Amino acid sequence: MIPHSKVALDEEDIAAVTKVLRSGQLAQGRVVSSLEEKSASLIGVNHGIAVNSGSAALHLSLLSVGVGEGSEVIVPSYVCTALLNAIYYVRATPVLADIDPNTYNITSGKIRKVITDKTKAVIVPHMFGLPTHIDAIVSLGIPVIEDCAHSVGATVNGRKVGSFGLVSILSFYATKMLGAGEGGMVLSGDRGLIETVRDLRDYDEKEDYRVRFNYKITDIQAALVATRLNRLADSIDKRKQIASIYSHGLKKAGVRLPEEPEGKEHIYYRYVILLENPAQFMQEMLKKGIECRRPVFKPLHRYLSKPGFPASDQVWERAVSIPIYPSLTAEEAYRILDAIKTIL
């Protein structure tokens, strides 16, 4: 069986975690602090705060930019429910926007249509590793939270995603680009914003009382993320190599392949194709020992019973994510390619 996603551990990973275990410092410590500095340097901002999940990073980011009850936060409908949850955590109101059906991303034009005087922020995911037109979104003047869970390491005109918005977040979930089981990061060039996040991350030994959280990450997780970060460039290269095999082999197969607009680096966290009958296709692939998935389980507007998102519906009804990860071999990639061609 070729799984849709796969976590690969090597001796560097095991050695890094073993070193932490032998140190006796298991909770948040110097390894976390080092990871925060390295992550900020990678993105090109001044500050980073590690937390225990991408959802926690979204939650604290919203609080840090002053989002609360009575605020509206714009998000794309075609995205996972973590964004929706974070908005409800702060008792704000989610405002959904449709996507560009070619890139699967939210755009400035879609955002502009739903801005009101209550809009306090917009969360902008760079979906499946392809950056959106982030410059145009930032120019709208709304505080931008860049969600780089799919896209850490990608660039727009040579500049890393995550460095454009007021704040950005990473996820270290097991199958993400820097997967370590769980964890996340808040990044920003705004020192005041970061100090707010730092204060809210941990509730103990404070001079005053306010509602704070237990969102710390451990040195064990941080050590594993750090090894992934060391290999990120190589990981992206391997993803691109696999994507090239797929794109070359499927360009005449009559399916919609991923786009890569000029100036934007696609790092292929997911390789998404559009098909007429995705459910049947996935069943046939499974019979051949290859697991494929819906890249988004269900759009947010479908959970909230809201009409009027034709592009999100169109993509959701046809999108299939096929296996792509650094440990996938070229032999496996060609096996996947042959299976797709046979089924189509």
C-alpha atoms as a PDB file:
ATOM      1  CA  MET A   1       0.000   0.000   0.000  1.00  0.00           C
ATOM      2  CA  ILE A   2       1.213   3.483  -0.876  1.00  0.00           C
ATOM      3  CA  PRO A   3      -0.373   5.794   1.743  1.00  0.00           C
ATOM      4  CA  HIS A   4      -1.610   9.273   0.969  1.00  0.00           C
ATOM      5  CA  SER A   5       0.754  10.755   3.578  1.00  0.00           C
ATOM      6  CA  LYS A   6       3.751   9.258   5.314  1.00  0.00           C
ATOM      7  CA  VAL A   7       6.001  10.335   8.173  1.00  0.00           C
ATOM      8  CA  ALA A   8       9.626   9.287   7.743  1.00  0.00           C
ATOM      9  CA  LEU A   9      12.045   9.381  10.687  1.00  0.00           C
ATOM     10  CA  ASP A  10      15.800   9.042  10.291  1.00  0.00           C
ATOM     11  CA  GLU A  11      18.796   8.788  12.622  1.00  0.00           C
ATOM     12  CA  GLU A  12      19.104  12.585  12.883  1.00  0.00           C
ATOM     13  CA  ASP A  13      15.543  12.784  14.212  1.00  0.00           C
ATOM     14  CA  ILE A  14      16.110   9.983  16.714  1.00  0.00           C
ATOM     15  CA  ALA A  15      19.419  11.465  17.883  1.00  0.00           C
ATOM     16  CA  ALA A  16      17.856  14.916  18.394  1.00  0.00           C
ATOM     17  CA  VAL A  17      15.023  13.543  20.519  1.00  0.00           C
ATOM     18  CA  THR A  18      17.363  11.234  22.442  1.00  0.00           C
ATOM     19  CA  LYS A  19      19.601  14.187  23.288  1.00  0.00           C
ATOM     20  CA  VAL A  20      16.627  16.001  24.823  1.00  0.00           C
ATOM     21  CA  LEU A  21      15.578  12.918  26.798  1.00  0.00           C
ATOM     22  CA  ARG A  22      19.086  12.529  28.189  1.00  0.00           C
ATOM     23  CA  SER A  23      19.200  16.201  29.168  1.00  0.00           C
ATOM     24  CA  GLY A  24      16.281  15.797  31.551  1.00  0.00           C
ATOM     25  CA  GLN A  25      14.682  19.023  30.230  1.00  0.00           C
ATOM     26  CA  LEU A  26      11.536  17.693  28.576  1.00  0.00           C
ATOM     27  CA  ALA A  27       9.208  20.699  28.826  1.00  0.00           C
ATOM     28  CA  GLN A  28       9.652  24.083  27.134  1.00  0.00           C
ATOM     29  CA  GLY A  29      13.272  25.177  27.398  1.00  0.00           C
ATOM     30  CA  ARG A  30      16.323  26.163  25.389  1.00  0.00           C
ATOM     31  CA  VAL A  31      15.514  23.889  22.460  1.00  0.00           C
ATOM     32  CA  VAL A  32      12.175  25.677  22.043  1.00  0.00           C
ATOM     33  CA  SER A  33      13.883  29.075  22.208  1.00  0.00           C
ATOM     34  CA  SER A  34      16.396  27.986  19.565  1.00  0.00           C
ATOM     35  CA  LEU A  35      13.589  26.754  17.276  1.00  0.00           C
ATOM     36  CA  GLU A  36      11.782  30.087  17.631  1.00  0.00           C
ATOM     37  CA  GLU A  37      14.893  31.951  16.473  1.00  0.00           C
ATOM     38  CA  LYS A  38      15.537  29.568  13.570  1.00  0.00           C
ATOM     39  CA  SER A  39      11.918  29.715  12.387  1.00  0.00           C
ATOM     40  CA  ALA A  40      11.849  33.507  12.452  1.00  0.00           C
ATOM     41  CA  SER A  41      15.129  33.613  10.528  1.00  0.00           C
ATOM     42  CA  LEU A  42      13.791  31.177   7.918  1.00  0.00           C
ATOM     43  CA  ILE A  43      10.692  33.297   7.262  1.00  0.00           C
ATOM     44  CA  GLY A  44      12.541  36.610   7.462  1.00  0.00           C
ATOM     45  CA  VAL A  45      10.852  38.189  10.483  1.00  0.00           C
ATOM     46  CA  ASN A  46      12.223  39.181  13.877  1.00  0.00           C
ATOM     47  CA  HIS A  47      10.187  37.115  16.307  1.00  0.00           C
ATOM     48  CA  GLY A  48       8.683  33.660  16.766  1.00  0.00           C
ATOM     49  CA  ILE A  49       6.679  32.017  19.546  1.00  0.00           C
ATOM     50  CA  ALA A  50       6.275  28.226  19.554  1.00  0.00           C
ATOM     51  CA  VAL A  51       2.953  26.763  20.696  1.00  0.00           C
ATOM     52  CA  ASN A  52       1.414  23.312  20.926  1.00  0.00           C
ATOM     53  CA  SER A  53      -0.635  23.339  17.693  1.00  0.00           C
ATOM     54  CA  GLY A  54      -1.472  25.302  14.577  1.00  0.00           C
ATOM     55  CA  SER A  55      -4.929  25.900  16.064  1.00  0.00           C
ATOM     56  CA  ALA A  56      -3.345  27.476  19.152  1.00  0.00           C
ATOM     57  CA  ALA A  57      -1.226  29.647  16.865  1.00  0.00           C
ATOM     58  CA  LEU A  58      -4.358  30.862  15.056  1.00  0.00           C
ATOM     59  CA  HIS A  59      -6.156  31.490  18.349  1.00  0.00           C
ATOM     60  CA  LEU A  60      -3.345  33.578  19.843  1.00  0.00           C
ATOM     61  CA  SER A  61      -2.798  35.431  16.564  1.00  0.00           C
ATOM     62  CA  LEU A  62      -6.425  36.567  16.546  1.00  0.00           C
ATOM     63  CA  LEU A  63      -6.189  37.716  20.163  1.00  0.00           C
ATOM     64  CA  SER A  64      -2.927  39.525  19.491  1.00  0.00           C
ATOM     65  CA  VAL A  65      -4.458  41.676  16.739  1.00  0.00           C
ATOM     66  CA  GLY A  66      -7.423  42.586  18.918  1.00  0.00           C
ATOM     67  CA  VAL A  67     -10.111  40.334  17.435  1.00  0.00           C
ATOM     68  CA  GLY A  68     -12.981  39.607  19.810  1.00  0.00           C
ATOM     69  CA  GLU A  69     -16.732  39.641  20.222  1.00  0.00           C
ATOM     70  CA  GLY A  70     -18.337  41.913  17.615  1.00  0.00           C
ATOM     71  CA  SER A  71     -15.392  41.505  15.208  1.00  0.00           C
ATOM     72  CA  GLU A  72     -15.606  39.903  11.780  1.00  0.00           C
ATOM     73  CA  VAL A  73     -12.798  37.772  10.364  1.00  0.00           C
ATOM     74  CA  ILE A  74     -12.666  36.898   6.670  1.00  0.00           C
ATOM     75  CA  VAL A  75     -11.599  33.370   5.704  1.00  0.00           C
ATOM     76  CA  PRO A  76     -11.882  31.279   2.540  1.00  0.00           C
ATOM     77  CA  SER A  77     -14.607  28.660   2.532  1.00  0.00           C
ATOM     78  CA  TYR A  78     -12.379  26.031   0.930  1.00  0.00           C
ATOM     79  CA  VAL A  79     -10.192  25.299   3.958  1.00  0.00           C
ATOM     80  CA  CYS A  80     -10.147  23.053   7.035  1.00  0.00           C
ATOM     81  CA  THR A  81     -12.250  23.854  10.094  1.00  0.00           C
ATOM     82  CA  ALA A  82      -9.258  24.912  12.252  1.00  0.00           C
ATOM     83  CA  LEU A  83      -9.715  28.491  11.014  1.00  0.00           C
ATOM     84  CA  LEU A  84     -13.401  28.472  11.833  1.00  0.00           C
ATOM     85  CA  ASN A  85     -12.731  27.084  15.302  1.00  0.00           C
ATOM     86  CA  ALA A  86     -10.148  29.766  16.120  1.00  0.00           C
ATOM     87  CA  ILE A  87     -12.610  32.522  15.168  1.00  0.00           C
ATOM     88  CA  TYR A  88     -15.265  31.036  17.421  1.00  0.00           C
ATOM     89  CA  TYR A  89     -12.715  30.660  20.248  1.00  0.00           C
ATOM     90  CA  VAL A  90     -12.486  34.483  20.390  1.00  0.00           C
ATOM     91  CA  ARG A  91     -16.274  34.891  19.937  1.00  0.00           C
ATOM     92  CA  ALA A  92     -15.857  36.690  16.638  1.00  0.00           C
ATOM     93  CA  THR A  93     -17.943  36.191  13.492  1.00  0.00           C
ATOM     94  CA  PRO A  94     -16.533  34.306  10.489  1.00  0.00           C
ATOM     95  CA  VAL A  95     -17.191  35.863   7.090  1.00  0.00           C
ATOM     96  CA  LEU A  96     -16.606  33.423   4.260  1.00  0.00           C
ATOM     97  CA  ALA A  97     -15.140  34.297   0.868  1.00  0.00           C
ATOM     98  CA  ASP A  98     -15.023  32.167  -2.257  1.00  0.00           C
ATOM     99  CA  ILE A  99     -11.738  31.085  -3.851  1.00  0.00           C
ATOM    100  CA  ASP A 100      -9.985  31.330  -7.190  1.00  0.00           C
ATOM    101  CA  PRO A 101     -10.851  27.946  -8.774  1.00  0.00           C
ATOM    102  CA  ASN A 102      -7.489  27.840 -10.580  1.00  0.00           C
ATOM    103  CA  THR A 103      -5.231  28.242  -7.540  1.00  0.00           C
ATOM    104  CA  TYR A 104      -7.644  27.208  -4.734  1.00  0.00           C
ATOM    105  CA  ASN A 105      -6.630  30.378  -2.885  1.00  0.00           C
ATOM    106  CA  ILE A 106      -8.497  33.380  -1.535  1.00  0.00           C
ATOM    107  CA  THR A 107      -7.787  36.609  -3.485  1.00  0.00           C
ATOM    108  CA  SER A 108      -7.995  40.342  -2.867  1.00  0.00           C
ATOM    109  CA  GLY A 109     -11.006  40.582  -5.179  1.00  0.00           C
ATOM    110  CA  LYS A 110     -12.940  37.937  -3.232  1.00  0.00           C
ATOM    111  CA  ILE A 111     -12.015  39.591   0.065  1.00  0.00           C
ATOM    112  CA  ARG A 112     -13.018  43.065  -1.098  1.00  0.00           C
ATOM    113  CA  LYS A 113     -16.565  41.843  -1.760  1.00  0.00           C
ATOM    114  CA  VAL A 114     -17.157  40.895   1.895  1.00  0.00           C
ATOM    115  CA  ILE A 115     -15.345  43.655   3.812  1.00  0.00           C
ATOM    116  CA  THR A 116     -17.501  45.599   6.283  1.00  0.00           C
ATOM    117  CA  ASP A 117     -16.818  48.170   8.972  1.00  0.00           C
ATOM    118  CA  LYS A 118     -16.622  45.248  11.434  1.00  0.00           C
ATOM    119  CA  THR A 119     -13.805  43.476   9.579  1.00  0.00           C
ATOM    120  CA  LYS A 120     -10.839  43.203  11.952  1.00  0.00           C
ATOM    121  CA  ALA A 121      -8.652  40.606  10.214  1.00  0.00           C
ATOM    122  CA  VAL A 122      -8.360  38.189   7.317  1.00  0.00           C
ATOM    123  CA  ILE A 123      -6.765  34.732   7.581  1.00  0.00           C
ATOM    124  CA  VAL A 124      -4.977  33.876   4.340  1.00  0.00           C
ATOM    125  CA  PRO A 125      -3.905  30.258   3.787  1.00  0.00           C
ATOM    126  CA  HIS A 126      -1.507  29.528   0.922  1.00  0.00           C
ATOM    127  CA  MET A 127      -3.281  26.354  -0.128  1.00  0.00           C
ATOM    128  CA  PHE A 128      -1.441  23.115  -0.878  1.00  0.00           C
ATOM    129  CA  GLY A 129       1.929  24.896  -1.073  1.00  0.00           C
ATOM    130  CA  LEU A 130       1.008  27.481  -3.735  1.00  0.00           C
ATOM    131  CA  PRO A 131       1.214  31.113  -2.516  1.00  0.00           C
ATOM    132  CA  THR A 132      -1.670  33.444  -3.210  1.00  0.00           C
ATOM    133  CA  HIS A 133      -1.380  37.052  -4.449  1.00  0.00           C
ATOM    134  CA  ILE A 134      -0.461  38.141  -0.943  1.00  0.00           C
ATOM    135  CA  ASP A 135       0.804  41.631  -1.892  1.00  0.00           C
ATOM    136  CA  ALA A 136      -2.615  42.605  -3.206  1.00  0.00           C
ATOM    137  CA  ILE A 137      -4.317  41.276  -0.075  1.00  0.00           C
ATOM    138  CA  VAL A 138      -1.983  43.176   2.265  1.00  0.00           C
ATOM    139  CA  SER A 139      -2.644  46.364   0.264  1.00  0.00           C
ATOM    140  CA  LEU A 140      -6.320  46.225   1.311  1.00  0.00           C
ATOM    141  CA  GLY A 141      -5.251  47.569   4.702  1.00  0.00           C
ATOM    142  CA  ILE A 142      -6.807  44.786   6.816  1.00  0.00           C
ATOM    143  CA  PRO A 143      -4.594  43.002   9.377  1.00  0.00           C
ATOM    144  CA  VAL A 144      -3.452  39.826   7.584  1.00  0.00           C
ATOM    145  CA  ILE A 145      -2.771  36.531   9.347  1.00  0.00           C
ATOM    146  CA  GLU A 146      -0.866  34.330   6.902  1.00  0.00           C
ATOM    147  CA  ASP A 147      -1.576  30.636   7.413  1.00  0.00           C
ATOM    148  CA  CYS A 148       1.579  28.897   6.188  1.00  0.00           C
ATOM    149  CA  ALA A 149       0.666  25.416   7.431  1.00  0.00           C
ATOM    150  CA  HIS A 150       0.876  24.149   3.817  1.00  0.00           C
ATOM    151  CA  SER A 151       3.493  26.503   2.479  1.00  0.00           C
ATOM    152  CA  VAL A 152       6.467  27.051   4.790  1.00  0.00           C
ATOM    153  CA  GLY A 153       9.512  27.555   2.571  1.00  0.00           C
ATOM    154  CA  ALA A 154       7.573  28.796  -0.474  1.00  0.00           C
ATOM    155  CA  THR A 155       8.393  32.198  -1.957  1.00  0.00           C
ATOM    156  CA  VAL A 156       6.725  35.047  -3.813  1.00  0.00           C
ATOM    157  CA  ASN A 157       9.217  36.857  -6.039  1.00  0.00           C
ATOM    158  CA  GLY A 158      12.019  35.483  -3.879  1.00  0.00           C
ATOM    159  CA  ARG A 159      10.447  36.499  -0.547  1.00  0.00           C
ATOM    160  CA  LYS A 160       9.278  33.842   1.909  1.00  0.00           C
ATOM    161  CA  VAL A 161       5.555  33.486   2.554  1.00  0.00           C
ATOM    162  CA  GLY A 162       4.814  34.367   6.146  1.00  0.00           C
ATOM    163  CA  SER A 163       6.772  37.619   5.933  1.00  0.00           C
ATOM    164  CA  PHE A 164       4.041  39.664   4.221  1.00  0.00           C
ATOM    165  CA  GLY A 165       1.254  39.784   6.798  1.00  0.00           C
ATOM    166  CA  LEU A 166       1.130  41.363  10.220  1.00  0.00           C
ATOM    167  CA  VAL A 167       1.444  37.883  11.682  1.00  0.00           C
ATOM    168  CA  SER A 168       1.845  34.375  10.307  1.00  0.00           C
ATOM    169  CA  ILE A 169       1.410  30.867  11.661  1.00  0.00           C
ATOM    170  CA  LEU A 170       2.965  27.456  11.068  1.00  0.00           C
ATOM    171  CA  SER A 171       1.707  23.984  11.926  1.00  0.00           C
ATOM    172  CA  PHE A 172       3.940  21.093  12.978  1.00  0.00           C
ATOM    173  CA  TYR A 173       1.270  18.404  12.715  1.00  0.00           C
ATOM    174  CA  ALA A 174       2.756  15.019  11.777  1.00  0.00           C
ATOM    175  CA  THR A 175       2.174  15.216   8.014  1.00  0.00           C
ATOM    176  CA  LYS A 176       2.889  18.924   7.555  1.00  0.00           C
ATOM    177  CA  MET A 177       6.064  20.286   5.959  1.00  0.00           C
ATOM    178  CA  LEU A 178       7.786  20.429   9.362  1.00  0.00           C
ATOM    179  CA  GLY A 179       5.843  17.577  10.943  1.00  0.00           C
ATOM    180  CA  ALA A 180       6.656  16.657  14.542  1.00  0.00           C
ATOM    181  CA  GLY A 181       3.426  15.064  15.723  1.00  0.00           C
ATOM    182  CA  GLU A 182       1.909  18.295  17.007  1.00  0.00           C
ATOM    183  CA  GLY A 183       2.949  21.919  17.466  1.00  0.00           C
ATOM    184  CA  GLY A 184       2.794  25.328  15.847  1.00  0.00           C
ATOM    185  CA  MET A 185       4.458  28.732  15.623  1.00  0.00           C
ATOM    186  CA  VAL A 186       3.390  32.380  15.635  1.00  0.00           C
ATOM    187  CA  LEU A 187       5.715  34.690  13.671  1.00  0.00           C
ATOM    188  CA  SER A 188       5.764  38.467  13.334  1.00  0.00           C
ATOM    189  CA  GLY A 189       7.956  41.512  12.973  1.00  0.00           C
ATOM    190  CA  ASP A 190       5.760  43.357  15.492  1.00  0.00           C
ATOM    191  CA  ARG A 191       7.385  43.060  18.929  1.00  0.00           C
ATOM    192  CA  GLY A 192       4.299  44.218  20.829  1.00  0.00           C
ATOM    193  CA  LEU A 193       2.129  41.626  19.104  1.00  0.00           C
ATOM    194  CA  ILE A 194       4.638  38.875  19.852  1.00  0.00           C
ATOM    195  CA  GLU A 195       4.866  39.881  23.516  1.00  0.00           C
ATOM    196  CA  THR A 196       1.084  39.534  23.738  1.00  0.00           C
ATOM    197  CA  VAL A 197       1.338  36.022  22.285  1.00  0.00           C
ATOM    198  CA  ARG A 198       4.200  35.167  24.660  1.00  0.00           C
ATOM    199  CA  ASP A 199       2.161  36.330  27.650  1.00  0.00           C
ATOM    200  CA  LEU A 200      -0.957  34.386  26.621  1.00  0.00           C
ATOM    201  CA  ARG A 201       0.898  31.142  25.844  1.00  0.00           C
ATOM    202  CA  ASP A 202       1.533  30.323  29.530  1.00  0.00           C
ATOM    203  CA  TYR A 203      -0.714  31.057  32.529  1.00  0.00           C
ATOM    204  CA  ASP A 204       1.598  30.506  35.500  1.00  0.00           C
ATOM    205  CA  GLU A 205       3.689  32.933  37.603  1.00  0.00           C
ATOM    206  CA  LYS A 206       2.141  36.171  36.346  1.00  0.00           C
ATOM    207  CA  GLU A 207       1.904  39.414  38.294  1.00  0.00           C
ATOM    208  CA  ASP A 208      -1.682  40.054  37.155  1.00  0.00           C
ATOM    209  CA  TYR A 209      -4.606  37.843  36.269  1.00  0.00           C
ATOM    210  CA  ARG A 210      -6.209  37.485  32.877  1.00  0.00           C
ATOM    211  CA  VAL A 211      -7.403  34.433  31.009  1.00  0.00           C
ATOM    212  CA  ARG A 212      -4.289  32.787  29.641  1.00  0.00           C
ATOM    213  CA  PHE A 213      -3.632  29.365  28.135  1.00  0.00           C
ATOM    214  CA  ASN A 214      -1.488  26.269  28.454  1.00  0.00           C
ATOM    215  CA  TYR A 215      -0.216  26.347  24.870  1.00  0.00           C
ATOM    216  CA  LYS A 216       3.453  25.537  25.477  1.00  0.00           C
ATOM    217  CA  ILE A 217       5.361  23.100  23.255  1.00  0.00           C
ATOM    218  CA  THR A 218       7.976  20.681  24.616  1.00  0.00           C
ATOM    219  CA  ASP A 219      11.691  20.531  23.893  1.00  0.00           C
ATOM    220  CA  ILE A 220      11.084  17.025  22.521  1.00  0.00           C
ATOM    221  CA  GLN A 221       8.755  18.325  19.799  1.00  0.00           C
ATOM    222  CA  ALA A 222      10.978  21.342  19.145  1.00  0.00           C
ATOM    223  CA  ALA A 223      14.011  19.104  18.608  1.00  0.00           C
ATOM    224  CA  LEU A 224      12.118  17.099  16.003  1.00  0.00           C
ATOM    225  CA  VAL A 225      10.883  20.239  14.221  1.00  0.00           C
ATOM    226  CA  ALA A 226      14.451  21.561  14.147  1.00  0.00           C
ATOM    227  CA  THR A 227      15.722  18.495  12.296  1.00  0.00           C
ATOM    228  CA  ARG A 228      12.904  18.899   9.781  1.00  0.00           C
ATOM    229  CA  LEU A 229      13.801  22.546   9.356  1.00  0.00           C
ATOM    230  CA  ASN A 230      17.412  21.572   8.613  1.00  0.00           C
ATOM    231  CA  ARG A 231      16.168  19.372   5.767  1.00  0.00           C
ATOM    232  CA  LEU A 232      13.393  21.654   4.496  1.00  0.00           C
ATOM    233  CA  ALA A 233      15.143  22.745   1.298  1.00  0.00           C
ATOM    234  CA  ASP A 234      15.916  19.119   0.398  1.00  0.00           C
ATOM    235  CA  SER A 235      12.337  18.129   1.252  1.00  0.00           C
ATOM    236  CA  ILE A 236      10.952  20.798  -1.073  1.00  0.00           C
ATOM    237  CA  ASP A 237      13.291  19.689  -3.875  1.00  0.00           C
ATOM    238  CA  LYS A 238      12.068  16.093  -3.555  1.00  0.00           C
ATOM    239  CA  ARG A 239       8.424  17.214  -3.639  1.00  0.00           C
ATOM    240  CA  LYS A 240       9.117  19.220  -6.785  1.00  0.00           C
ATOM    241  CA  GLN A 241      10.793  16.227  -8.427  1.00  0.00           C
ATOM    242  CA  ILE A 242       7.758  14.038  -7.765  1.00  0.00           C
ATOM    243  CA  ALA A 243       5.421  16.793  -8.959  1.00  0.00           C
ATOM    244  CA  SER A 244       7.424  17.037 -12.178  1.00  0.00           C
ATOM    245  CA  ILE A 245       6.943  13.300 -12.799  1.00  0.00           C
ATOM    246  CA  TYR A 246       3.193  13.673 -12.297  1.00  0.00           C
ATOM    247  CA  SER A 247       2.818  16.841 -14.359  1.00  0.00           C
ATOM    248  CA  HIS A 248       4.839  15.517 -17.294  1.00  0.00           C
ATOM    249  CA  GLY A 249       2.975  12.223 -17.303  1.00  0.00           C
ATOM    250  CA  LEU A 250      -0.527  13.678 -16.903  1.00  0.00           C
ATOM    251  CA  LYS A 251      -0.359  16.742 -19.158  1.00  0.00           C
ATOM    252  CA  LYS A 252      -2.238  14.907 -21.928  1.00  0.00           C
ATOM    253  CA  ALA A 253      -4.520  12.896 -19.644  1.00  0.00           C
ATOM    254  CA  GLY A 254      -7.426  15.347 -19.641  1.00  0.00           C
ATOM    255  CA  VAL A 255      -7.245  16.307 -15.949  1.00  0.00           C
ATOM    256  CA  ARG A 256      -6.737  19.732 -14.383  1.00  0.00           C
ATOM    257  CA  LEU A 257      -3.214  19.900 -12.982  1.00  0.00           C
ATOM    258  CA  PRO A 258      -1.806  22.279 -10.348  1.00  0.00           C
ATOM    259  CA  GLU A 259      -0.912  25.773 -11.512  1.00  0.00           C
ATOM    260  CA  GLU A 260       2.305  27.640 -10.798  1.00  0.00           C
ATOM    261  CA  PRO A 261       1.804  31.321 -11.639  1.00  0.00           C
ATOM    262  CA  GLU A 262       4.871  33.358 -12.552  1.00  0.00           C
ATOM    263  CA  GLY A 263       6.817  34.641  -9.554  1.00  0.00           C
ATOM    264  CA  LYS A 264       5.257  32.157  -7.122  1.00  0.00           C
ATOM    265  CA  GLU A 265       7.059  29.033  -5.964  1.00  0.00           C
ATOM    266  CA  HIS A 266       4.804  25.988  -5.578  1.00  0.00           C
ATOM    267  CA  ILE A 267       6.320  23.614  -3.006  1.00  0.00           C
ATOM    268  CA  TYR A 268       3.659  20.892  -3.493  1.00  0.00           C
ATOM    269  CA  TYR A 269       2.544  20.128   0.022  1.00  0.00           C
ATOM    270  CA  ARG A 270      -0.299  18.479  -1.856  1.00  0.00           C
ATOM    271  CA  TYR A 271      -0.575  17.510  -5.522  1.00  0.00           C
ATOM    272  CA  VAL A 272      -4.215  18.156  -6.401  1.00  0.00           C
ATOM    273  CA  ILE A 273      -5.941  17.155  -9.626  1.00  0.00           C
ATOM    274  CA  LEU A 274      -9.549  17.768 -10.669  1.00  0.00           C
ATOM    275  CA  LEU A 275     -11.618  14.846 -11.941  1.00  0.00           C
ATOM    276  CA  GLU A 276     -15.215  14.287 -13.003  1.00  0.00           C
ATOM    277  CA  ASN A 277     -15.850  11.367 -10.636  1.00  0.00           C
ATOM    278  CA  PRO A 278     -13.381  11.603  -7.729  1.00  0.00           C
ATOM    279  CA  ALA A 279     -15.136   9.109  -5.424  1.00  0.00           C
ATOM    280  CA  GLN A 280     -15.000   6.334  -8.025  1.00  0.00           C
ATOM    281  CA  PHE A 281     -11.415   7.265  -8.912  1.00  0.00           C
ATOM    282  CA  MET A 282     -10.282   7.002  -5.281  1.00  0.00           C
ATOM    283  CA  GLN A 283     -11.966   3.622  -4.921  1.00  0.00           C
ATOM    284  CA  GLU A 284     -10.230   2.322  -8.044  1.00  0.00           C
ATOM    285  CA  MET A 285      -6.863   3.666  -6.859  1.00  0.00           C
ATOM    286  CA  LEU A 286      -7.353   1.964  -3.491  1.00  0.00           C
ATOM    287  CA  LYS A 287      -7.920  -1.344  -5.285  1.00  0.00           C
ATOM    288  CA  LYS A 288      -4.481  -0.817  -6.825  1.00  0.00           C
ATOM    289  CA  GLY A 289      -2.947  -0.235  -3.381  1.00  0.00           C
ATOM    290  CA  ILE A 290      -2.753   3.562  -3.583  1.00  0.00           C
ATOM    291  CA  GLU A 291      -4.517   5.834  -1.113  1.00  0.00           C
ATOM    292  CA  CYS A 292      -5.837   9.190  -2.357  1.00  0.00           C
ATOM    293  CA  ARG A 293      -7.839  11.722  -0.346  1.00  0.00           C
ATOM    294  CA  ARG A 294     -10.020  14.797  -0.621  1.00  0.00           C
ATOM    295  CA  PRO A 295      -7.586  17.662   0.066  1.00  0.00           C
ATOM    296  CA  VAL A 296     -10.315  19.490   2.035  1.00  0.00           C
ATOM    297  CA  PHE A 297     -12.899  17.261   3.692  1.00  0.00           C
ATOM    298  CA  LYS A 298     -15.762  19.759   3.400  1.00  0.00           C
ATOM    299  CA  PRO A 299     -15.886  23.529   2.673  1.00  0.00           C
ATOM    300  CA  LEU A 300     -16.877  25.761   5.570  1.00  0.00           C
ATOM    301  CA  HIS A 301     -20.003  27.071   3.847  1.00  0.00           C
ATOM    302  CA  ARG A 302     -21.361  23.537   3.735  1.00  0.00           C
ATOM    303  CA  TYR A 303     -20.904  23.158   7.492  1.00  0.00           C
ATOM    304  CA  LEU A 304     -22.622  26.502   8.042  1.00  0.00           C
ATOM    305  CA  SER A 305     -25.353  25.890   5.411  1.00  0.00           C
ATOM    306  CA  LYS A 306     -24.491  29.055   3.483  1.00  0.00           C
ATOM    307  CA  PRO A 307     -25.120  29.259  -0.286  1.00  0.00           C
ATOM    308  CA  GLY A 308     -23.221  31.262  -2.871  1.00  0.00           C
ATOM    309  CA  PHE A 309     -19.727  29.758  -3.121  1.00  0.00           C
ATOM    310  CA  PRO A 310     -19.630  28.274  -6.625  1.00  0.00           C
ATOM    311  CA  ALA A 311     -15.856  28.021  -6.997  1.00  0.00           C
ATOM    312  CA  SER A 312     -15.441  26.293  -3.634  1.00  0.00           C
ATOM    313  CA  ASP A 313     -18.219  23.863  -4.566  1.00  0.00           C
ATOM    314  CA  GLN A 314     -16.741  23.220  -8.004  1.00  0.00           C
ATOM    315  CA  VAL A 315     -13.307  22.431  -6.619  1.00  0.00           C
ATOM    316  CA  TRP A 316     -14.563  20.404  -3.652  1.00  0.00           C
ATOM    317  CA  GLU A 317     -16.723  18.219  -5.884  1.00  0.00           C
ATOM    318  CA  ARG A 318     -13.803  17.358  -8.197  1.00  0.00           C
ATOM    319  CA  ALA A 319     -10.548  17.640  -6.236  1.00  0.00           C
ATOM    320  CA  VAL A 320      -8.362  14.645  -5.408  1.00  0.00           C
ATOM    321  CA  SER A 321      -4.997  14.717  -3.629  1.00  0.00           C
ATOM    322  CA  ILE A 322      -2.576  12.013  -4.751  1.00  0.00           C
ATOM    323  CA  PRO A 323       0.440  10.893  -2.679  1.00  0.00           C
ATOM    324  CA  ILE A 324       3.400  13.277  -2.539  1.00  0.00           C
ATOM    325  CA  TYR A 325       6.001  13.390   0.235  1.00  0.00           C
ATOM    326  CA  PRO A 326       9.808  13.343   0.448  1.00  0.00           C
ATOM    327  CA  SER A 327      10.130   9.616   1.176  1.00  0.00           C
ATOM    328  CA  LEU A 328       8.037   8.657  -1.867  1.00  0.00           C
ATOM    329  CA  THR A 329      10.393   7.022  -4.360  1.00  0.00           C
ATOM    330  CA  ALA A 330      10.485   7.699  -8.085  1.00  0.00           C
ATOM    331  CA  GLU A 331       9.487   4.061  -8.625  1.00  0.00           C
ATOM    332  CA  GLU A 332       6.385   4.598  -6.467  1.00  0.00           C
ATOM    333  CA  ALA A 333       5.601   7.872  -8.252  1.00  0.00           C
ATOM    334  CA  TYR A 334       5.654   6.114 -11.638  1.00  0.00           C
ATOM    335  CA  ARG A 335       3.474   3.332 -10.225  1.00  0.00           C
ATOM    336  CA  ILE A 336       0.963   5.983  -9.108  1.00  0.00           C
ATOM    337  CA  LEU A 337       1.162   7.677 -12.498  1.00  0.00           C
ATOM    338  CA  ASP A 338       0.540   4.405 -14.366  1.00  0.00           C
ATOM    339  CA  ALA A 339      -2.447   3.631 -12.127  1.00  0.00           C
ATOM    340  CA  ILE A 340      -3.980   7.043 -12.779  1.00  0.00           C
ATOM    341  CA  LYS A 341      -3.580   6.663 -16.538  1.00  0.00           C
ATOM    342  CA  THR A 342      -5.089   3.169 -16.459  1.00  0.00           C
ATOM    343  CA  ILE A 343      -8.122   4.283 -14.466  1.00  0.00           C
ATOM    344  CA  LEU A 344      -8.711   7.419 -16.553  1.00  0.00           C
END
